[in-house]
């Protein structure tokens, strides 16, 4: 059975709505989901995110991570961290931070 967990900041426990370095704003649990649906959900959440917000994707295996980085515009994100835990159940996590559009435009000008 596929599970989807999406928690925006402020809905997780009693957390306050402010930025802390390394803080996760959205969490997506895509374990057990079919890859195309997982990619679609992540891309939809990414579009709704504000600049400098971070999404953590749980269950993002290396193949899905590669596909995810192909469908998101190159200059629109930064990979904050990747983690692979091998316990009784393998769990992979990736954190992406949405870049500020102003930073994206300056990067595009730099490489033209």
Protein backbone atom coordinates (compact mmCIF):
# COMPACT_ATOMS: atom_id res chain seq x y z
CA UNK A 1 0.00 0.00 0.00
CA UNK A 2 1.46 3.35 -1.00
CA UNK A 3 1.73 6.11 1.56
CA UNK A 4 2.09 9.79 0.89
CA UNK A 5 3.12 12.11 3.66
CA UNK A 6 3.12 15.82 3.01
CA UNK A 7 3.61 18.15 5.94
CA UNK A 8 4.12 21.87 5.36
CA UNK A 9 5.96 23.89 7.98
CA UNK A 10 3.74 24.98 10.83
CA UNK A 11 1.67 21.80 10.69
CA UNK A 12 4.43 19.64 12.20
CA UNK A 13 3.97 19.57 15.96
CA UNK A 14 4.28 22.95 17.64
CA UNK A 15 7.02 24.32 15.39
CA UNK A 16 7.18 28.04 14.75
CA UNK A 17 7.07 29.50 11.27
CA UNK A 18 10.68 30.71 10.87
CA UNK A 19 13.73 29.60 8.91
CA UNK A 20 16.45 27.65 10.66
CA UNK A 21 19.51 26.48 8.78
CA UNK A 22 18.97 22.84 7.79
CA UNK A 23 15.25 23.11 8.54
CA UNK A 24 12.84 21.10 6.42
CA UNK A 25 9.73 22.96 5.25
CA UNK A 26 8.03 20.03 3.47
CA UNK A 27 8.35 16.28 3.94
CA UNK A 28 7.24 13.79 1.30
CA UNK A 29 7.21 10.06 2.01
CA UNK A 30 7.09 8.30 -1.36
CA UNK A 31 8.02 4.80 -0.19
CA UNK A 32 5.93 2.21 -1.99
CA UNK A 33 4.59 4.65 -4.58
CA UNK A 34 5.00 4.08 -8.30
CA UNK A 35 7.88 6.24 -9.53
CA UNK A 36 5.97 8.38 -12.09
CA UNK A 37 3.38 9.31 -9.44
CA UNK A 38 6.15 10.09 -6.96
CA UNK A 39 7.88 12.34 -9.48
CA UNK A 40 4.61 14.11 -10.27
CA UNK A 41 3.85 14.73 -6.59
CA UNK A 42 7.35 16.04 -5.88
CA UNK A 43 7.27 18.37 -8.88
CA UNK A 44 3.83 19.73 -7.85
CA UNK A 45 5.03 20.40 -4.30
CA UNK A 46 8.23 21.97 -5.66
CA UNK A 47 6.17 24.37 -7.81
CA UNK A 48 4.19 25.50 -4.74
CA UNK A 49 7.28 26.06 -2.61
CA UNK A 50 8.67 29.53 -1.99
CA UNK A 51 12.34 30.36 -2.62
CA UNK A 52 14.74 29.10 0.06
CA UNK A 53 12.27 26.48 1.30
CA UNK A 54 13.49 22.89 1.66
CA UNK A 55 11.69 19.66 0.80
CA UNK A 56 12.82 16.32 2.18
CA UNK A 57 11.84 13.30 0.10
CA UNK A 58 11.86 9.99 1.97
CA UNK A 59 12.07 6.84 -0.14
CA UNK A 60 13.85 8.53 -3.02
CA UNK A 61 16.04 5.73 -4.39
CA UNK A 62 19.01 6.56 -6.67
CA UNK A 63 16.99 5.96 -9.87
CA UNK A 64 14.17 8.21 -8.73
CA UNK A 65 16.65 10.86 -7.59
CA UNK A 66 18.27 10.83 -11.03
CA UNK A 67 14.88 11.14 -12.74
CA UNK A 68 13.79 13.88 -10.33
CA UNK A 69 16.86 15.97 -11.08
CA UNK A 70 16.09 15.59 -14.79
CA UNK A 71 12.53 16.93 -14.58
CA UNK A 72 13.28 19.93 -12.33
CA UNK A 73 14.91 22.93 -14.04
CA UNK A 74 18.66 22.80 -13.35
CA UNK A 75 19.00 26.26 -11.84
CA UNK A 76 15.83 26.07 -9.73
CA UNK A 77 17.12 23.83 -6.93
CA UNK A 78 20.13 22.91 -4.88
CA UNK A 79 20.69 19.45 -3.44
CA UNK A 80 21.13 20.15 0.27
CA UNK A 81 21.83 16.55 1.31
CA UNK A 82 21.39 12.94 0.38
CA UNK A 83 21.28 10.12 2.89
CA UNK A 84 21.04 6.36 2.54
CA UNK A 85 20.35 4.24 5.63
CA UNK A 86 20.76 0.50 5.50
CA UNK A 87 18.90 -1.06 8.42
CA UNK A 88 16.20 -3.71 8.40
CA UNK A 89 14.63 -1.58 5.69
CA UNK A 90 16.63 0.55 3.26
CA UNK A 91 15.66 4.21 3.47
CA UNK A 92 16.94 6.92 1.18
CA UNK A 93 16.39 10.63 1.71
CA UNK A 94 17.16 13.66 -0.40
CA UNK A 95 16.72 17.31 0.54
CA UNK A 96 16.24 19.97 -2.12
CA UNK A 97 16.19 23.70 -1.58
CA UNK A 98 14.33 25.89 -4.02
CA UNK A 99 16.51 28.70 -5.27
CA UNK A 100 15.51 32.32 -5.37
CA UNK A 101 14.45 33.35 -8.93
CA UNK A 102 16.86 36.30 -8.75
CA UNK A 103 19.73 33.87 -8.12
CA UNK A 104 18.51 31.71 -11.01
CA UNK A 105 18.52 34.68 -13.41
CA UNK A 106 22.05 35.67 -12.38
CA UNK A 107 23.24 32.08 -12.93
CA UNK A 108 21.61 32.00 -16.37
CA UNK A 109 23.32 35.27 -17.34
CA UNK A 110 26.64 33.97 -16.04
CA UNK A 111 26.54 30.90 -18.33
CA UNK A 112 25.28 32.64 -21.49
